[in-house]
Each structure stands twice: as structure tokens, then as C-alpha cells.
């Protein structure tokens, strides 16, 4: 295995890491598996290096000692509502769970934030009342609805 990036986020799994990496690389453009390490024949890959939307990641099938936590998540800025809907559907399928404010836990237990790309500018707006309305609308949502956020922002 040739490590191809100086810095890479590592996600710990208990045997499902290769399956997760394969799934994740189907979700976003500029994503692909880079390498797989099989130190024991017939066993799952120990390490899989992959790129997710240009960002380097790896999974380590390290065993049952650690579990995923929302304290670490994969955050995706979605360009439009159709991308939010597509990602949300894929991530909640087969046992994934919705949470509040654009958070979702996929079937592997990894937390994601699916955020519309327009939301940061709303939150950082000099118009504090508009930002507050958008924030209040956001706090009531699970999957983000861009039209509803924009309507709240405009007042």
C-alpha cells in the first residue's frame, strides 16, 4: 500500500470499511478508491484509501474497540435542492437515520451534514434579523429545504 496523501481523515470500522468506502465514492463527483490493503487472504481489506469530492480519506477495519460518533462528521455543501434530496435519500436508505439541522447518520453509523451552499452566506449576513429568521427556520428542519430557508431569510 502506498500512502498517497500527507494528511488523510481516517474512519474506524469493524469490518465494513471497504463497503462504506465503495458506497461513499458513489455519492459525489471527484470520488474514487485509491488503494486497498489485504494483509490476510480472504479477510476484508484492513485499509482502504479513497478520495471523496477531492478530499483524502481512509477507512481502517480496526475491530470493535471504537464506534462512530457525531463528534466527527462528513460535511457536504450541496449546490441545490436536488443534490440535497439525492444525498439525503442515499444516506438514509437501508437503515440510515435523519437528525436535525441537516444531520444524518448513514447505515454504517457515520454522521454527515448535508448543507445547502447558500446557508453560510445567510448565517453570516450583515442583516442580523434575516440571519436570525433563517437560523430559526433551519432549527425546525431535518433535511434542509432551500426554498423555505430563502423565504425565511427574505421575511
Protein backbone atom coordinates (compact mmCIF):
# COMPACT_ATOMS: atom_id res chain seq x y z
CA UNK A 1 0.00 0.00 0.00
CA UNK A 2 1.38 3.38 -0.99
CA UNK A 3 0.08 6.22 1.13
CA UNK A 4 -0.74 8.97 -1.36
CA UNK A 5 -1.52 11.94 0.88
CA UNK A 6 0.38 13.55 3.74
CA UNK A 7 -2.86 14.23 5.65
CA UNK A 8 -5.92 12.00 5.40
CA UNK A 9 -9.02 11.60 7.59
CA UNK A 10 -9.26 8.04 8.90
CA UNK A 11 -12.61 6.45 9.71
CA UNK A 12 -12.52 3.38 12.00
CA UNK A 13 -14.76 0.44 11.14
CA UNK A 14 -15.42 -3.06 12.41
CA UNK A 15 -15.29 -4.98 9.13
CA UNK A 16 -17.50 -2.80 6.89
CA UNK A 17 -14.90 -0.21 5.90
CA UNK A 18 -14.42 -1.37 2.33
CA UNK A 19 -18.17 -1.49 1.73
CA UNK A 20 -18.54 2.00 3.21
CA UNK A 21 -15.73 3.43 1.05
CA UNK A 22 -17.25 1.90 -2.07
CA UNK A 23 -20.64 3.43 -1.17
CA UNK A 24 -19.22 6.85 -0.30
CA UNK A 25 -17.36 7.14 -3.61
CA UNK A 26 -20.66 6.74 -5.49
CA UNK A 27 -22.17 9.80 -3.79
CA UNK A 28 -20.10 12.73 -5.06
CA UNK A 29 -18.15 13.65 -8.20
CA UNK A 30 -14.33 13.51 -8.00
CA UNK A 31 -14.53 10.46 -5.72
CA UNK A 32 -12.74 7.15 -6.17
CA UNK A 33 -10.97 4.29 -4.42
CA UNK A 34 -7.21 4.78 -4.49
CA UNK A 35 -5.88 1.64 -2.86
CA UNK A 36 -6.82 -1.37 -0.74
CA UNK A 37 -4.66 -3.38 1.62
CA UNK A 38 -5.43 -7.06 2.19
CA UNK A 39 -2.78 -8.32 4.63
CA UNK A 40 -4.73 -11.54 5.31
CA UNK A 41 -6.05 -13.51 2.32
CA UNK A 42 -9.81 -14.00 2.40
CA UNK A 43 -10.31 -11.29 5.03
CA UNK A 44 -11.79 -7.81 4.50
CA UNK A 45 -9.42 -5.05 3.49
CA UNK A 46 -7.57 -3.67 6.51
CA UNK A 47 -7.12 -0.22 4.96
CA UNK A 48 -8.86 1.43 2.01
CA UNK A 49 -7.66 4.82 0.82
CA UNK A 50 -10.17 6.87 -1.15
CA UNK A 51 -10.95 10.36 -2.31
CA UNK A 52 -14.33 11.90 -1.56
CA UNK A 53 -15.08 15.01 -3.64
CA UNK A 54 -11.34 15.63 -3.89
CA UNK A 55 -10.69 15.20 -0.15
CA UNK A 56 -8.48 12.31 1.00
CA UNK A 57 -9.96 9.72 3.37
CA UNK A 58 -9.16 6.24 4.51
CA UNK A 59 -11.02 3.53 6.35
CA UNK A 60 -9.38 1.18 8.81
CA UNK A 61 -11.11 -2.06 9.69
CA UNK A 62 -9.66 -1.96 13.19
CA UNK A 63 -12.22 -4.00 15.11
CA UNK A 64 -14.95 -3.37 17.67
CA UNK A 65 -12.97 -1.15 20.06
CA UNK A 66 -14.32 2.17 18.76
CA UNK A 67 -17.66 3.36 17.39
CA UNK A 68 -18.54 6.33 15.23
CA UNK A 69 -19.78 9.49 16.92
CA UNK A 70 -21.46 12.68 15.73
CA UNK A 71 -18.47 14.47 17.25
CA UNK A 72 -16.83 13.79 13.87
CA UNK A 73 -18.85 14.06 10.68
CA UNK A 74 -18.51 14.44 6.94
CA UNK A 75 -19.90 17.80 5.87
CA UNK A 76 -21.06 18.31 2.28
CA UNK A 77 -22.03 21.67 0.77
CA UNK A 78 -24.84 20.84 -1.66
CA UNK A 79 -25.29 23.09 -4.69
CA UNK A 80 -29.07 22.79 -4.93
CA UNK A 81 -32.16 21.05 -3.58
CA UNK A 82 -31.85 18.11 -5.96
CA UNK A 83 -28.36 17.36 -4.61
CA UNK A 84 -29.62 17.62 -1.03
CA UNK A 85 -32.50 15.27 -1.84
CA UNK A 86 -30.26 12.77 -3.66
CA UNK A 87 -27.67 12.64 -0.88
CA UNK A 88 -30.31 12.52 1.86
CA UNK A 89 -32.10 9.63 0.15
CA UNK A 90 -28.86 7.68 -0.35
CA UNK A 91 -27.63 8.27 3.21
CA UNK A 92 -30.93 7.38 4.92
CA UNK A 93 -31.51 4.30 2.74
CA UNK A 94 -31.01 0.85 4.27
CA UNK A 95 -31.04 1.92 7.91
CA UNK A 96 -29.65 5.47 7.88
CA UNK A 97 -31.31 7.88 10.30
CA UNK A 98 -32.35 11.50 9.95
CA UNK A 99 -31.41 14.01 12.58
CA UNK A 100 -31.91 17.75 12.96
CA UNK A 101 -30.38 20.65 11.02
CA UNK A 102 -29.14 18.71 8.02
CA UNK A 103 -27.51 15.89 10.01
CA UNK A 104 -27.93 12.28 9.03
CA UNK A 105 -26.29 9.05 10.21
CA UNK A 106 -25.68 6.57 7.39
CA UNK A 107 -26.21 2.81 7.66
CA UNK A 108 -22.57 2.40 8.76
CA UNK A 109 -23.02 4.79 11.70
CA UNK A 110 -21.05 7.69 10.19
CA UNK A 111 -22.56 11.16 10.70
CA UNK A 112 -22.95 13.54 7.76
CA UNK A 113 -24.05 17.15 7.45
CA UNK A 114 -25.78 17.91 4.15
CA UNK A 115 -25.80 21.71 3.97
CA UNK A 116 -27.04 23.94 1.15
CA UNK A 117 -24.20 26.08 -0.18
CA UNK A 118 -26.37 29.21 0.27
CA UNK A 119 -26.77 28.70 4.02
CA UNK A 120 -23.37 30.01 5.20
CA UNK A 121 -23.93 33.37 3.48
CA UNK A 122 -27.37 33.63 5.10
CA UNK A 123 -25.90 32.90 8.55
CA UNK A 124 -23.07 35.43 8.02
CA UNK A 125 -25.32 38.16 6.60
CA UNK A 126 -24.95 41.70 7.89
CA UNK A 127 -28.76 41.69 8.12
CA UNK A 128 -28.93 40.05 11.56
CA UNK A 129 -32.73 39.86 11.54
CA UNK A 130 -32.72 37.98 8.22
CA UNK A 131 -29.96 35.69 9.51
CA UNK A 132 -32.00 35.06 12.65
CA UNK A 133 -35.10 34.14 10.64
CA UNK A 134 -33.07 31.72 8.51
CA UNK A 135 -31.48 30.22 11.65
CA UNK A 136 -34.90 29.79 13.28
CA UNK A 137 -36.22 28.05 10.14
CA UNK A 138 -33.12 25.85 9.99
CA UNK A 139 -33.59 24.72 13.60
CA UNK A 140 -37.01 23.26 12.72
CA UNK A 141 -35.72 21.21 9.76
CA UNK A 142 -34.23 17.78 9.42
CA UNK A 143 -33.42 17.72 5.70
CA UNK A 144 -32.83 21.29 4.56
CA UNK A 145 -35.39 22.92 2.29
CA UNK A 146 -33.60 25.69 0.40
CA UNK A 147 -36.81 27.44 -0.71
CA UNK A 148 -38.09 27.58 2.88
CA UNK A 149 -34.72 28.88 4.14
CA UNK A 150 -34.67 31.58 1.47
CA UNK A 151 -38.27 32.57 2.23
CA UNK A 152 -37.48 32.86 5.94
CA UNK A 153 -34.36 34.88 5.17
CA UNK A 154 -36.35 37.32 2.99
CA UNK A 155 -39.01 37.62 5.68
